């Protein structure tokens, strides 16, 4: 959808709408458990919001410039990075289901990249 929408919408509009929709959808559950954040937590939330917006801007711009089939396998890199960050920052050790899921995603990404690469090649004469 982002690829199609990027043909008619600006990257900023896409990120704005995504942020607005997420804010509306997450507001009711957040209000149910709301506690006023401390200044340190508020600073972390602001930093997280800025970094998230920058990530979405880069993501939407990439889809405007490149084919989705070329970008989504690269998106897989997030899984091992998040697993490593979870281990380093919180001592979380991924269980077998995380590794099995990662293997499925990895094999599917490789298969898709191979199929798209083969489809993009000119036919042999």
PDB file of N, CA and C in Angstrom:
ATOM      1  N   UNK A   1       0.814  -1.186   0.000  1.00  0.00           N
ATOM      2  CA  UNK A   1       0.000   0.000   0.000  1.00  0.00           C
ATOM      3  C   UNK A   1       0.860   1.253   0.000  1.00  0.00           C
ATOM      4  N   UNK A   2       1.958   1.214   0.737  1.00  0.00           N
ATOM      5  CA  UNK A   2       2.829   2.386   0.794  1.00  0.00           C
ATOM      6  C   UNK A   2       3.367   2.695  -0.589  1.00  0.00           C
ATOM      7  N   UNK A   3       3.733   1.665  -1.340  1.00  0.00           N
ATOM      8  CA  UNK A   3       4.268   1.868  -2.693  1.00  0.00           C
ATOM      9  C   UNK A   3       3.228   2.566  -3.565  1.00  0.00           C
ATOM     10  N   UNK A   4       1.993   2.093  -3.530  1.00  0.00           N
ATOM     11  CA  UNK A   4       0.944   2.719  -4.344  1.00  0.00           C
ATOM     12  C   UNK A   4       0.636   4.137  -3.883  1.00  0.00           C
ATOM     13  N   UNK A   5       0.545   4.301  -2.567  1.00  0.00           N
ATOM     14  CA  UNK A   5       0.207   5.618  -2.039  1.00  0.00           C
ATOM     15  C   UNK A   5       1.322   6.629  -2.299  1.00  0.00           C
ATOM     16  N   UNK A   6       2.574   6.166  -2.370  1.00  0.00           N
ATOM     17  CA  UNK A   6       3.680   7.095  -2.594  1.00  0.00           C
ATOM     18  C   UNK A   6       3.649   7.703  -3.990  1.00  0.00           C
ATOM     19  N   UNK A   7       2.843   7.126  -4.876  1.00  0.00           N
ATOM     20  CA  UNK A   7       2.706   7.709  -6.214  1.00  0.00           C
ATOM     21  C   UNK A   7       1.848   8.972  -6.194  1.00  0.00           C
ATOM     22  N   UNK A   8       0.956   9.079  -5.196  1.00  0.00           N
ATOM     23  CA  UNK A   8       0.054  10.228  -5.147  1.00  0.00           C
ATOM     24  C   UNK A   8       0.220  11.092  -3.903  1.00  0.00           C
ATOM     25  N   UNK A   9       0.903  10.574  -2.881  1.00  0.00           N
ATOM     26  CA  UNK A   9       1.061  11.304  -1.622  1.00  0.00           C
ATOM     27  C   UNK A   9       2.534  11.584  -1.359  1.00  0.00           C
ATOM     28  N   UNK A  10       2.808  12.646  -0.638  1.00  0.00           N
ATOM     29  CA  UNK A  10       4.185  12.936  -0.248  1.00  0.00           C
ATOM     30  C   UNK A  10       4.588  12.006   0.897  1.00  0.00           C
ATOM     31  N   UNK A  11       5.878  11.863   1.082  1.00  0.00           N
ATOM     32  CA  UNK A  11       6.384  11.044   2.175  1.00  0.00           C
ATOM     33  C   UNK A  11       5.913  11.605   3.512  1.00  0.00           C
ATOM     34  N   UNK A  12       5.942  12.903   3.656  1.00  0.00           N
ATOM     35  CA  UNK A  12       5.494  13.532   4.910  1.00  0.00           C
ATOM     36  C   UNK A  12       4.020  13.244   5.177  1.00  0.00           C
ATOM     37  N   UNK A  13       3.184  13.282   4.134  1.00  0.00           N
ATOM     38  CA  UNK A  13       1.757  12.997   4.309  1.00  0.00           C
ATOM     39  C   UNK A  13       1.545  11.546   4.736  1.00  0.00           C
ATOM     40  N   UNK A  14       2.291  10.627   4.147  1.00  0.00           N
ATOM     41  CA  UNK A  14       2.173   9.217   4.525  1.00  0.00           C
ATOM     42  C   UNK A  14       2.535   9.004   5.983  1.00  0.00           C
ATOM     43  N   UNK A  15       3.632   9.601   6.413  1.00  0.00           N
ATOM     44  CA  UNK A  15       4.078   9.439   7.800  1.00  0.00           C
ATOM     45  C   UNK A  15       3.103  10.133   8.748  1.00  0.00           C
ATOM     46  N   UNK A  16       2.600  11.291   8.374  1.00  0.00           N
ATOM     47  CA  UNK A  16       1.627  11.988   9.210  1.00  0.00           C
ATOM     48  C   UNK A  16       0.377  11.139   9.415  1.00  0.00           C
ATOM     49  N   UNK A  17      -0.155  10.598   8.325  1.00  0.00           N
ATOM     50  CA  UNK A  17      -1.373   9.794   8.431  1.00  0.00           C
ATOM     51  C   UNK A  17      -1.135   8.519   9.239  1.00  0.00           C
ATOM     52  N   UNK A  18       0.015   7.887   9.050  1.00  0.00           N
ATOM     53  CA  UNK A  18       0.339   6.690   9.823  1.00  0.00           C
ATOM     54  C   UNK A  18       0.405   7.037  11.309  1.00  0.00           C
ATOM     55  N   UNK A  19       1.057   8.133  11.628  1.00  0.00           N
ATOM     56  CA  UNK A  19       1.185   8.549  13.030  1.00  0.00           C
ATOM     57  C   UNK A  19      -0.170   8.910  13.631  1.00  0.00           C
ATOM     58  N   UNK A  20      -0.989   9.591  12.860  1.00  0.00           N
ATOM     59  CA  UNK A  20      -2.315   9.990  13.344  1.00  0.00           C
ATOM     60  C   UNK A  20      -3.184   8.760  13.620  1.00  0.00           C
ATOM     61  N   UNK A  21      -3.178   7.823  12.696  1.00  0.00           N
ATOM     62  CA  UNK A  21      -3.980   6.606  12.870  1.00  0.00           C
ATOM     63  C   UNK A  21      -3.503   5.828  14.099  1.00  0.00           C
ATOM     64  N   UNK A  22      -2.187   5.689  14.241  1.00  0.00           N
ATOM     65  CA  UNK A  22      -1.660   4.957  15.400  1.00  0.00           C
ATOM     66  C   UNK A  22      -1.988   5.671  16.710  1.00  0.00           C
ATOM     67  N   UNK A  23      -1.930   6.995  16.712  1.00  0.00           N
ATOM     68  CA  UNK A  23      -2.254   7.743  17.933  1.00  0.00           C
ATOM     69  C   UNK A  23      -3.719   7.537  18.319  1.00  0.00           C
ATOM     70  N   UNK A  24      -4.605   7.578  17.345  1.00  0.00           N
ATOM     71  CA  UNK A  24      -6.030   7.393  17.626  1.00  0.00           C
ATOM     72  C   UNK A  24      -6.307   5.972  18.113  1.00  0.00           C
ATOM     73  N   UNK A  25      -5.664   4.990  17.480  1.00  0.00           N
ATOM     74  CA  UNK A  25      -5.909   3.597  17.859  1.00  0.00           C
ATOM     75  C   UNK A  25      -5.313   3.231  19.221  1.00  0.00           C
ATOM     76  N   UNK A  26      -4.213   3.857  19.591  1.00  0.00           N
ATOM     77  CA  UNK A  26      -3.567   3.496  20.858  1.00  0.00           C
ATOM     78  C   UNK A  26      -3.988   4.385  22.024  1.00  0.00           C
ATOM     79  N   UNK A  27      -4.689   5.461  21.761  1.00  0.00           N
ATOM     80  CA  UNK A  27      -5.107   6.352  22.842  1.00  0.00           C
ATOM     81  C   UNK A  27      -6.027   5.678  23.859  1.00  0.00           C
ATOM     82  N   UNK A  28      -7.089   4.989  23.462  1.00  0.00           N
ATOM     83  CA  UNK A  28      -7.967   4.381  24.481  1.00  0.00           C
ATOM     84  C   UNK A  28      -7.257   3.389  25.410  1.00  0.00           C
ATOM     85  N   UNK A  29      -6.455   2.439  24.892  1.00  0.00           N
ATOM     86  CA  UNK A  29      -5.778   1.551  25.846  1.00  0.00           C
ATOM     87  C   UNK A  29      -4.754   2.287  26.710  1.00  0.00           C
ATOM     88  N   UNK A  30      -4.115   3.322  26.153  1.00  0.00           N
ATOM     89  CA  UNK A  30      -3.144   4.078  26.942  1.00  0.00           C
ATOM     90  C   UNK A  30      -3.828   4.824  28.082  1.00  0.00           C
ATOM     91  N   UNK A  31      -4.990   5.388  27.811  1.00  0.00           N
ATOM     92  CA  UNK A  31      -5.713   6.111  28.858  1.00  0.00           C
ATOM     93  C   UNK A  31      -6.154   5.180  29.983  1.00  0.00           C
ATOM     94  N   UNK A  32      -6.394   3.916  29.651  1.00  0.00           N
ATOM     95  CA  UNK A  32      -6.845   2.959  30.663  1.00  0.00           C
ATOM     96  C   UNK A  32      -5.779   2.683  31.714  1.00  0.00           C
ATOM     97  N   UNK A  33      -4.514   2.840  31.350  1.00  0.00           N
ATOM     98  CA  UNK A  33      -3.425   2.537  32.288  1.00  0.00           C
ATOM     99  C   UNK A  33      -2.489   3.732  32.488  1.00  0.00           C
ATOM    100  N   UNK A  34      -2.964   4.920  32.180  1.00  0.00           N
ATOM    101  CA  UNK A  34      -2.121   6.116  32.171  1.00  0.00           C
ATOM    102  C   UNK A  34      -1.538   6.441  33.538  1.00  0.00           C
ATOM    103  N   UNK A  35      -0.233   6.736  33.528  1.00  0.00           N
ATOM    104  CA  UNK A  35       0.432   7.366  34.660  1.00  0.00           C
ATOM    105  C   UNK A  35       1.283   8.480  34.076  1.00  0.00           C
ATOM    106  N   UNK A  36       1.367   9.584  34.756  1.00  0.00           N
ATOM    107  CA  UNK A  36       2.145  10.709  34.249  1.00  0.00           C
ATOM    108  C   UNK A  36       3.630  10.351  34.247  1.00  0.00           C
ATOM    109  N   UNK A  37       4.285  10.490  33.084  1.00  0.00           N
ATOM    110  CA  UNK A  37       5.700  10.122  33.018  1.00  0.00           C
ATOM    111  C   UNK A  37       6.592  11.128  33.730  1.00  0.00           C
ATOM    112  N   UNK A  38       7.688  10.621  34.249  1.00  0.00           N
ATOM    113  CA  UNK A  38       8.710  11.490  34.845  1.00  0.00           C
ATOM    114  C   UNK A  38       9.409  12.236  33.707  1.00  0.00           C
ATOM    115  N   UNK A  39      10.134  13.308  34.015  1.00  0.00           N
ATOM    116  CA  UNK A  39      10.852  14.019  32.954  1.00  0.00           C
ATOM    117  C   UNK A  39      11.822  13.120  32.173  1.00  0.00           C
ATOM    118  N   UNK A  40      12.492  12.200  32.863  1.00  0.00           N
ATOM    119  CA  UNK A  40      13.433  11.304  32.176  1.00  0.00           C
ATOM    120  C   UNK A  40      12.695  10.370  31.217  1.00  0.00           C
ATOM    121  N   UNK A  41      11.567   9.830  31.659  1.00  0.00           N
ATOM    122  CA  UNK A  41      10.788   8.946  30.790  1.00  0.00           C
ATOM    123  C   UNK A  41      10.183   9.743  29.647  1.00  0.00           C
ATOM    124  N   UNK A  42       9.733  10.947  29.922  1.00  0.00           N
ATOM    125  CA  UNK A  42       9.183  11.797  28.874  1.00  0.00           C
ATOM    126  C   UNK A  42      10.239  12.095  27.807  1.00  0.00           C
ATOM    127  N   UNK A  43      11.467  12.363  28.224  1.00  0.00           N
ATOM    128  CA  UNK A  43      12.551  12.595  27.265  1.00  0.00           C
ATOM    129  C   UNK A  43      12.788  11.352  26.405  1.00  0.00           C
ATOM    130  N   UNK A  44      12.754  10.182  27.031  1.00  0.00           N
ATOM    131  CA  UNK A  44      12.904   8.939  26.273  1.00  0.00           C
ATOM    132  C   UNK A  44      11.772   8.729  25.297  1.00  0.00           C
ATOM    133  N   UNK A  45      10.542   9.058  25.705  1.00  0.00           N
ATOM    134  CA  UNK A  45       9.395   8.928  24.802  1.00  0.00           C
ATOM    135  C   UNK A  45       9.494   9.884  23.623  1.00  0.00           C
ATOM    136  N   UNK A  46       9.948  11.104  23.882  1.00  0.00           N
ATOM    137  CA  UNK A  46      10.126  12.071  22.791  1.00  0.00           C
ATOM    138  C   UNK A  46      11.201  11.573  21.825  1.00  0.00           C
ATOM    139  N   UNK A  47      12.307  11.088  22.361  1.00  0.00           N
ATOM    140  CA  UNK A  47      13.371  10.551  21.505  1.00  0.00           C
ATOM    141  C   UNK A  47      12.867   9.372  20.685  1.00  0.00           C
ATOM    142  N   UNK A  48      12.096   8.504  21.312  1.00  0.00           N
ATOM    143  CA  UNK A  48      11.542   7.361  20.606  1.00  0.00           C
ATOM    144  C   UNK A  48      10.594   7.824  19.497  1.00  0.00           C
ATOM    145  N   UNK A  49       9.801   8.830  19.759  1.00  0.00           N
ATOM    146  CA  UNK A  49       8.887   9.360  18.752  1.00  0.00           C
ATOM    147  C   UNK A  49       9.626   9.969  17.573  1.00  0.00           C
ATOM    148  N   UNK A  50      10.675  10.736  17.858  1.00  0.00           N
ATOM    149  CA  UNK A  50      11.464  11.350  16.785  1.00  0.00           C
ATOM    150  C   UNK A  50      12.140  10.273  15.934  1.00  0.00           C
ATOM    151  N   UNK A  51      12.765   9.298  16.590  1.00  0.00           N
ATOM    152  CA  UNK A  51      13.433   8.229  15.853  1.00  0.00           C
ATOM    153  C   UNK A  51      12.442   7.388  15.058  1.00  0.00           C
ATOM    154  N   UNK A  52      11.281   7.151  15.625  1.00  0.00           N
ATOM    155  CA  UNK A  52      10.247   6.399  14.912  1.00  0.00           C
ATOM    156  C   UNK A  52       9.775   7.157  13.674  1.00  0.00           C
ATOM    157  N   UNK A  53       9.553   8.448  13.815  1.00  0.00           N
ATOM    158  CA  UNK A  53       9.132   9.262  12.664  1.00  0.00           C
ATOM    159  C   UNK A  53      10.204   9.274  11.583  1.00  0.00           C
ATOM    160  N   UNK A  54      11.472   9.411  11.986  1.00  0.00           N
ATOM    161  CA  UNK A  54      12.554   9.380  11.003  1.00  0.00           C
ATOM    162  C   UNK A  54      12.636   8.021  10.304  1.00  0.00           C
ATOM    163  N   UNK A  55      12.422   6.957  11.060  1.00  0.00           N
ATOM    164  CA  UNK A  55      12.408   5.625  10.459  1.00  0.00           C
ATOM    165  C   UNK A  55      11.288   5.471   9.450  1.00  0.00           C
ATOM    166  N   UNK A  56      10.089   5.957   9.805  1.00  0.00           N
ATOM    167  CA  UNK A  56       8.972   5.877   8.869  1.00  0.00           C
ATOM    168  C   UNK A  56       9.204   6.753   7.640  1.00  0.00           C
ATOM    169  N   UNK A  57       9.835   7.917   7.822  1.00  0.00           N
ATOM    170  CA  UNK A  57      10.152   8.764   6.664  1.00  0.00           C
ATOM    171  C   UNK A  57      11.095   8.031   5.708  1.00  0.00           C
ATOM    172  N   UNK A  58      12.112   7.383   6.264  1.00  0.00           N
ATOM    173  CA  UNK A  58      13.056   6.632   5.434  1.00  0.00           C
ATOM    174  C   UNK A  58      12.361   5.456   4.762  1.00  0.00           C
ATOM    175  N   UNK A  59      11.521   4.748   5.504  1.00  0.00           N
ATOM    176  CA  UNK A  59      10.798   3.594   4.975  1.00  0.00           C
ATOM    177  C   UNK A  59       9.880   4.005   3.827  1.00  0.00           C
ATOM    178  N   UNK A  60       9.084   5.054   4.027  1.00  0.00           N
ATOM    179  CA  UNK A  60       8.156   5.507   2.991  1.00  0.00           C
ATOM    180  C   UNK A  60       8.913   6.029   1.775  1.00  0.00           C
ATOM    181  N   UNK A  61      10.001   6.741   2.000  1.00  0.00           N
ATOM    182  CA  UNK A  61      10.797   7.266   0.872  1.00  0.00           C
ATOM    183  C   UNK A  61      11.426   6.127   0.082  1.00  0.00           C
ATOM    184  N   UNK A  62      11.893   5.103   0.775  1.00  0.00           N
ATOM    185  CA  UNK A  62      12.483   3.951   0.086  1.00  0.00           C
ATOM    186  C   UNK A  62      11.459   3.287  -0.815  1.00  0.00           C
ATOM    187  N   UNK A  63      10.218   3.144  -0.351  1.00  0.00           N
ATOM    188  CA  UNK A  63       9.186   2.529  -1.179  1.00  0.00           C
ATOM    189  C   UNK A  63       8.810   3.413  -2.354  1.00  0.00           C
ATOM    190  N   UNK A  64       8.965   4.719  -2.212  1.00  0.00           N
ATOM    191  CA  UNK A  64       8.701   5.610  -3.339  1.00  0.00           C
ATOM    192  C   UNK A  64       9.778   5.475  -4.411  1.00  0.00           C
ATOM    193  N   UNK A  65      10.993   5.151  -3.995  1.00  0.00           N
ATOM    194  CA  UNK A  65      12.113   5.104  -4.927  1.00  0.00           C
ATOM    195  C   UNK A  65      12.418   3.723  -5.496  1.00  0.00           C
ATOM    196  N   UNK A  66      12.055   2.664  -4.776  1.00  0.00           N
ATOM    197  CA  UNK A  66      12.465   1.322  -5.194  1.00  0.00           C
ATOM    198  C   UNK A  66      11.287   0.365  -5.186  1.00  0.00           C
ATOM    199  N   UNK A  67      11.489  -0.769  -5.804  1.00  0.00           N
ATOM    200  CA  UNK A  67      10.475  -1.806  -5.860  1.00  0.00           C
ATOM    201  C   UNK A  67      10.358  -2.502  -4.509  1.00  0.00           C
ATOM    202  N   UNK A  68       9.143  -2.783  -4.100  1.00  0.00           N
ATOM    203  CA  UNK A  68       8.904  -3.409  -2.794  1.00  0.00           C
ATOM    204  C   UNK A  68       9.605  -4.756  -2.682  1.00  0.00           C
ATOM    205  N   UNK A  69       9.654  -5.505  -3.768  1.00  0.00           N
ATOM    206  CA  UNK A  69      10.290  -6.829  -3.705  1.00  0.00           C
ATOM    207  C   UNK A  69      11.785  -6.724  -3.441  1.00  0.00           C
ATOM    208  N   UNK A  70      12.382  -5.585  -3.747  1.00  0.00           N
ATOM    209  CA  UNK A  70      13.801  -5.387  -3.448  1.00  0.00           C
ATOM    210  C   UNK A  70      14.006  -4.910  -2.014  1.00  0.00           C
ATOM    211  N   UNK A  71      13.020  -4.231  -1.454  1.00  0.00           N
ATOM    212  CA  UNK A  71      13.171  -3.652  -0.118  1.00  0.00           C
ATOM    213  C   UNK A  71      12.804  -4.601   1.019  1.00  0.00           C
ATOM    214  N   UNK A  72      11.805  -5.408   0.828  1.00  0.00           N
ATOM    215  CA  UNK A  72      11.325  -6.231   1.936  1.00  0.00           C
ATOM    216  C   UNK A  72      12.331  -7.264   2.421  1.00  0.00           C
ATOM    217  N   UNK A  73      13.124  -7.893   1.555  1.00  0.00           N
ATOM    218  CA  UNK A  73      14.147  -8.783   2.124  1.00  0.00           C
ATOM    219  C   UNK A  73      15.152  -8.039   3.012  1.00  0.00           C
ATOM    220  N   UNK A  74      15.456  -6.810   2.669  1.00  0.00           N
ATOM    221  CA  UNK A  74      16.375  -6.008   3.477  1.00  0.00           C
ATOM    222  C   UNK A  74      15.729  -5.696   4.831  1.00  0.00           C
ATOM    223  N   UNK A  75      14.415  -5.537   4.828  1.00  0.00           N
ATOM    224  CA  UNK A  75      13.662  -5.261   6.050  1.00  0.00           C
ATOM    225  C   UNK A  75      13.859  -6.376   7.080  1.00  0.00           C
ATOM    226  N   UNK A  76      14.169  -7.577   6.611  1.00  0.00           N
ATOM    227  CA  UNK A  76      14.387  -8.718   7.498  1.00  0.00           C
ATOM    228  C   UNK A  76      15.538  -8.473   8.472  1.00  0.00           C
ATOM    229  N   UNK A  77      16.467  -7.620   8.102  1.00  0.00           N
ATOM    230  CA  UNK A  77      17.636  -7.358   8.952  1.00  0.00           C
ATOM    231  C   UNK A  77      17.207  -6.852  10.334  1.00  0.00           C
ATOM    232  N   UNK A  78      16.009  -6.279  10.403  1.00  0.00           N
ATOM    233  CA  UNK A  78      15.532  -5.794  11.699  1.00  0.00           C
ATOM    234  C   UNK A  78      15.429  -6.904  12.738  1.00  0.00           C
ATOM    235  N   UNK A  79      15.031  -8.099  12.331  1.00  0.00           N
ATOM    236  CA  UNK A  79      14.830  -9.182  13.295  1.00  0.00           C
ATOM    237  C   UNK A  79      16.099  -9.526  14.075  1.00  0.00           C
ATOM    238  N   UNK A  80      17.222  -9.817  13.408  1.00  0.00           N
ATOM    239  CA  UNK A  80      18.412 -10.113  14.205  1.00  0.00           C
ATOM    240  C   UNK A  80      18.928  -8.900  14.985  1.00  0.00           C
ATOM    241  N   UNK A  81      18.750  -7.696  14.443  1.00  0.00           N
ATOM    242  CA  UNK A  81      19.184  -6.501  15.172  1.00  0.00           C
ATOM    243  C   UNK A  81      18.378  -6.312  16.454  1.00  0.00           C
ATOM    244  N   UNK A  82      17.072  -6.501  16.374  1.00  0.00           N
ATOM    245  CA  UNK A  82      16.231  -6.355  17.559  1.00  0.00           C
ATOM    246  C   UNK A  82      16.537  -7.463  18.563  1.00  0.00           C
ATOM    247  N   UNK A  83      16.780  -8.676  18.069  1.00  0.00           N
ATOM    248  CA  UNK A  83      17.137  -9.777  18.976  1.00  0.00           C
ATOM    249  C   UNK A  83      18.452  -9.464  19.691  1.00  0.00           C
ATOM    250  N   UNK A  84      19.419  -8.940  18.965  1.00  0.00           N
ATOM    251  CA  UNK A  84      20.708  -8.592  19.579  1.00  0.00           C
ATOM    252  C   UNK A  84      20.540  -7.454  20.582  1.00  0.00           C
ATOM    253  N   UNK A  85      19.755  -6.447  20.226  1.00  0.00           N
ATOM    254  CA  UNK A  85      19.506  -5.333  21.140  1.00  0.00           C
ATOM    255  C   UNK A  85      18.783  -5.811  22.400  1.00  0.00           C
ATOM    256  N   UNK A  86      17.803  -6.684  22.231  1.00  0.00           N
ATOM    257  CA  UNK A  86      17.092  -7.236  23.391  1.00  0.00           C
ATOM    258  C   UNK A  86      18.024  -8.003  24.310  1.00  0.00           C
ATOM    259  N   UNK A  87      18.965  -8.721  23.711  1.00  0.00           N
ATOM    260  CA  UNK A  87      19.934  -9.471  24.517  1.00  0.00           C
ATOM    261  C   UNK A  87      20.883  -8.526  25.245  1.00  0.00           C
ATOM    262  N   UNK A  88      21.434  -7.557  24.505  1.00  0.00           N
ATOM    263  CA  UNK A  88      22.415  -6.649  25.096  1.00  0.00           C
ATOM    264  C   UNK A  88      21.796  -5.699  26.125  1.00  0.00           C
ATOM    265  N   UNK A  89      20.623  -5.175  25.827  1.00  0.00           N
ATOM    266  CA  UNK A  89      20.024  -4.181  26.720  1.00  0.00           C
ATOM    267  C   UNK A  89      19.231  -4.789  27.862  1.00  0.00           C
ATOM    268  N   UNK A  90      18.601  -5.951  27.618  1.00  0.00           N
ATOM    269  CA  UNK A  90      17.685  -6.493  28.627  1.00  0.00           C
ATOM    270  C   UNK A  90      18.005  -7.919  29.049  1.00  0.00           C
ATOM    271  N   UNK A  91      19.030  -8.520  28.453  1.00  0.00           N
ATOM    272  CA  UNK A  91      19.396  -9.886  28.804  1.00  0.00           C
ATOM    273  C   UNK A  91      18.399 -10.925  28.322  1.00  0.00           C
ATOM    274  N   UNK A  92      17.560 -10.564  27.339  1.00  0.00           N
ATOM    275  CA  UNK A  92      16.576 -11.505  26.804  1.00  0.00           C
ATOM    276  C   UNK A  92      17.259 -12.491  25.862  1.00  0.00           C
ATOM    277  N   UNK A  93      17.014 -13.753  26.089  1.00  0.00           N
ATOM    278  CA  UNK A  93      17.565 -14.784  25.213  1.00  0.00           C
ATOM    279  C   UNK A  93      16.421 -15.317  24.356  1.00  0.00           C
ATOM    280  N   UNK A  94      16.535 -15.180  23.019  1.00  0.00           N
ATOM    281  CA  UNK A  94      15.456 -15.673  22.152  1.00  0.00           C
ATOM    282  C   UNK A  94      15.273 -17.183  22.315  1.00  0.00           C
ATOM    283  N   UNK A  95      14.010 -17.616  22.368  1.00  0.00           N
ATOM    284  CA  UNK A  95      13.747 -19.049  22.488  1.00  0.00           C
ATOM    285  C   UNK A  95      13.723 -19.698  21.100  1.00  0.00           C
ATOM    286  N   UNK A  96      13.461 -20.978  21.061  1.00  0.00           N
ATOM    287  CA  UNK A  96      13.508 -21.738  19.816  1.00  0.00           C
ATOM    288  C   UNK A  96      12.487 -21.228  18.802  1.00  0.00           C
ATOM    289  N   UNK A  97      11.346 -20.725  19.271  1.00  0.00           N
ATOM    290  CA  UNK A  97      10.307 -20.243  18.358  1.00  0.00           C
ATOM    291  C   UNK A  97      10.747 -18.976  17.629  1.00  0.00           C
ATOM    292  N   UNK A  98      11.523 -18.151  18.279  1.00  0.00           N
ATOM    293  CA  UNK A  98      12.064 -16.956  17.611  1.00  0.00           C
ATOM    294  C   UNK A  98      13.003 -17.379  16.489  1.00  0.00           C
ATOM    295  N   UNK A  99      13.878 -18.348  16.795  1.00  0.00           N
ATOM    296  CA  UNK A  99      14.830 -18.802  15.773  1.00  0.00           C
ATOM    297  C   UNK A  99      14.127 -19.526  14.626  1.00  0.00           C
ATOM    298  N   UNK A 100      13.096 -20.322  14.931  1.00  0.00           N
ATOM    299  CA  UNK A 100      12.347 -20.985  13.865  1.00  0.00           C
ATOM    300  C   UNK A 100      11.604 -19.964  13.000  1.00  0.00           C
ATOM    301  N   UNK A 101      10.999 -18.991  13.637  1.00  0.00           N
ATOM    302  CA  UNK A 101      10.326 -17.932  12.884  1.00  0.00           C
ATOM    303  C   UNK A 101      11.296 -17.144  12.018  1.00  0.00           C
ATOM    304  N   UNK A 102      12.457 -16.847  12.578  1.00  0.00           N
ATOM    305  CA  UNK A 102      13.481 -16.129  11.809  1.00  0.00           C
ATOM    306  C   UNK A 102      13.928 -16.960  10.609  1.00  0.00           C
ATOM    307  N   UNK A 103      14.078 -18.271  10.796  1.00  0.00           N
ATOM    308  CA  UNK A 103      14.490 -19.142   9.695  1.00  0.00           C
ATOM    309  C   UNK A 103      13.435 -19.153   8.596  1.00  0.00           C
ATOM    310  N   UNK A 104      12.167 -19.212   8.969  1.00  0.00           N
ATOM    311  CA  UNK A 104      11.090 -19.186   7.970  1.00  0.00           C
ATOM    312  C   UNK A 104      11.108 -17.866   7.195  1.00  0.00           C
ATOM    313  N   UNK A 105      11.232 -16.761   7.905  1.00  0.00           N
ATOM    314  CA  UNK A 105      11.272 -15.457   7.254  1.00  0.00           C
ATOM    315  C   UNK A 105      12.492 -15.347   6.346  1.00  0.00           C
ATOM    316  N   UNK A 106      13.630 -15.832   6.811  1.00  0.00           N
ATOM    317  CA  UNK A 106      14.862 -15.762   6.031  1.00  0.00           C
ATOM    318  C   UNK A 106      14.746 -16.578   4.743  1.00  0.00           C
ATOM    319  N   UNK A 107      14.263 -17.808   4.847  1.00  0.00           N
ATOM    320  CA  UNK A 107      14.113 -18.661   3.661  1.00  0.00           C
ATOM    321  C   UNK A 107      13.089 -18.062   2.695  1.00  0.00           C
ATOM    322  N   UNK A 108      11.987 -17.539   3.216  1.00  0.00           N
ATOM    323  CA  UNK A 108      10.983 -16.917   2.357  1.00  0.00           C
ATOM    324  C   UNK A 108      11.548 -15.678   1.662  1.00  0.00           C
ATOM    325  N   UNK A 109      12.339 -14.886   2.378  1.00  0.00           N
ATOM    326  CA  UNK A 109      12.950 -13.694   1.785  1.00  0.00           C
ATOM    327  C   UNK A 109      13.934 -14.069   0.680  1.00  0.00           C
ATOM    328  N   UNK A 110      14.754 -15.075   0.944  1.00  0.00           N
ATOM    329  CA  UNK A 110      15.684 -15.535  -0.087  1.00  0.00           C
ATOM    330  C   UNK A 110      14.949 -16.070  -1.303  1.00  0.00           C
ATOM    331  N   UNK A 111      13.902 -16.829  -1.065  1.00  0.00           N
ATOM    332  CA  UNK A 111      13.110 -17.382  -2.166  1.00  0.00           C
ATOM    333  C   UNK A 111      12.473 -16.271  -2.987  1.00  0.00           C
ATOM    334  N   UNK A 112      11.906 -15.285  -2.315  1.00  0.00           N
ATOM    335  CA  UNK A 112      11.282 -14.163  -3.013  1.00  0.00           C
ATOM    336  C   UNK A 112      12.313 -13.371  -3.808  1.00  0.00           C
ATOM    337  N   UNK A 113      13.452 -13.097  -3.198  1.00  0.00           N
ATOM    338  CA  UNK A 113      14.500 -12.347  -3.899  1.00  0.00           C
ATOM    339  C   UNK A 113      14.986 -13.112  -5.122  1.00  0.00           C
ATOM    340  N   UNK A 114      15.148 -14.420  -4.990  1.00  0.00           N
ATOM    341  CA  UNK A 114      15.588 -15.238  -6.125  1.00  0.00           C
ATOM    342  C   UNK A 114      14.542 -15.235  -7.232  1.00  0.00           C
ATOM    343  N   UNK A 115      13.272 -15.413  -6.859  1.00  0.00           N
ATOM    344  CA  UNK A 115      12.197 -15.433  -7.855  1.00  0.00           C
ATOM    345  C   UNK A 115      12.084 -14.091  -8.571  1.00  0.00           C
ATOM    346  N   UNK A 116      12.155 -12.993  -7.819  1.00  0.00           N
ATOM    347  CA  UNK A 116      12.059 -11.660  -8.428  1.00  0.00           C
ATOM    348  C   UNK A 116      13.261 -11.388  -9.325  1.00  0.00           C
ATOM    349  N   UNK A 117      14.423 -11.846  -8.905  1.00  0.00           N
ATOM    350  CA  UNK A 117      15.624 -11.674  -9.721  1.00  0.00           C
ATOM    351  C   UNK A 117      15.498 -12.437 -11.024  1.00  0.00           C
ATOM    352  N   UNK A 118      14.995 -13.658 -10.946  1.00  0.00           N
ATOM    353  CA  UNK A 118      14.832 -14.471 -12.156  1.00  0.00           C
ATOM    354  C   UNK A 118      13.783 -13.861 -13.070  1.00  0.00           C
ATOM    355  N   UNK A 119      12.709 -13.308 -12.518  1.00  0.00           N
ATOM    356  CA  UNK A 119      11.659 -12.691 -13.328  1.00  0.00           C
ATOM    357  C   UNK A 119      12.136 -11.418 -14.000  1.00  0.00           C
ATOM    358  N   UNK A 120      13.089 -10.733 -13.398  1.00  0.00           N
ATOM    359  CA  UNK A 120      13.584  -9.473 -13.957  1.00  0.00           C
ATOM    360  C   UNK A 120      14.599  -9.689 -15.081  1.00  0.00           C
ATOM    361  N   UNK A 121      15.185 -10.874 -15.144  1.00  0.00           N
ATOM    362  CA  UNK A 121      16.160 -11.141 -16.200  1.00  0.00           C
ATOM    363  C   UNK A 121      15.475 -11.262 -17.541  1.00  0.00           C
ATOM    364  N   UNK A 122      16.128 -10.756 -18.587  1.00  0.00           N
ATOM    365  CA  UNK A 122      15.543 -10.947 -19.921  1.00  0.00           C
ATOM    366  C   UNK A 122      15.577 -12.418 -20.299  1.00  0.00           C
ATOM    367  N   UNK A 123      14.561 -12.885 -21.041  1.00  0.00           N
ATOM    368  CA  UNK A 123      14.538 -14.302 -21.418  1.00  0.00           C
ATOM    369  C   UNK A 123      15.706 -14.657 -22.342  1.00  0.00           C
ATOM    370  N   UNK A 124      16.168 -15.884 -22.205  1.00  0.00           N
ATOM    371  CA  UNK A 124      17.272 -16.359 -23.061  1.00  0.00           C
ATOM    372  C   UNK A 124      16.740 -16.662 -24.452  1.00  0.00           C
ATOM    373  N   UNK A 125      17.598 -16.414 -25.452  1.00  0.00           N
ATOM    374  CA  UNK A 125      17.181 -16.679 -26.839  1.00  0.00           C
ATOM    375  C   UNK A 125      17.691 -17.986 -27.317  1.00  0.00           C
TER     376      UNK A 125
END
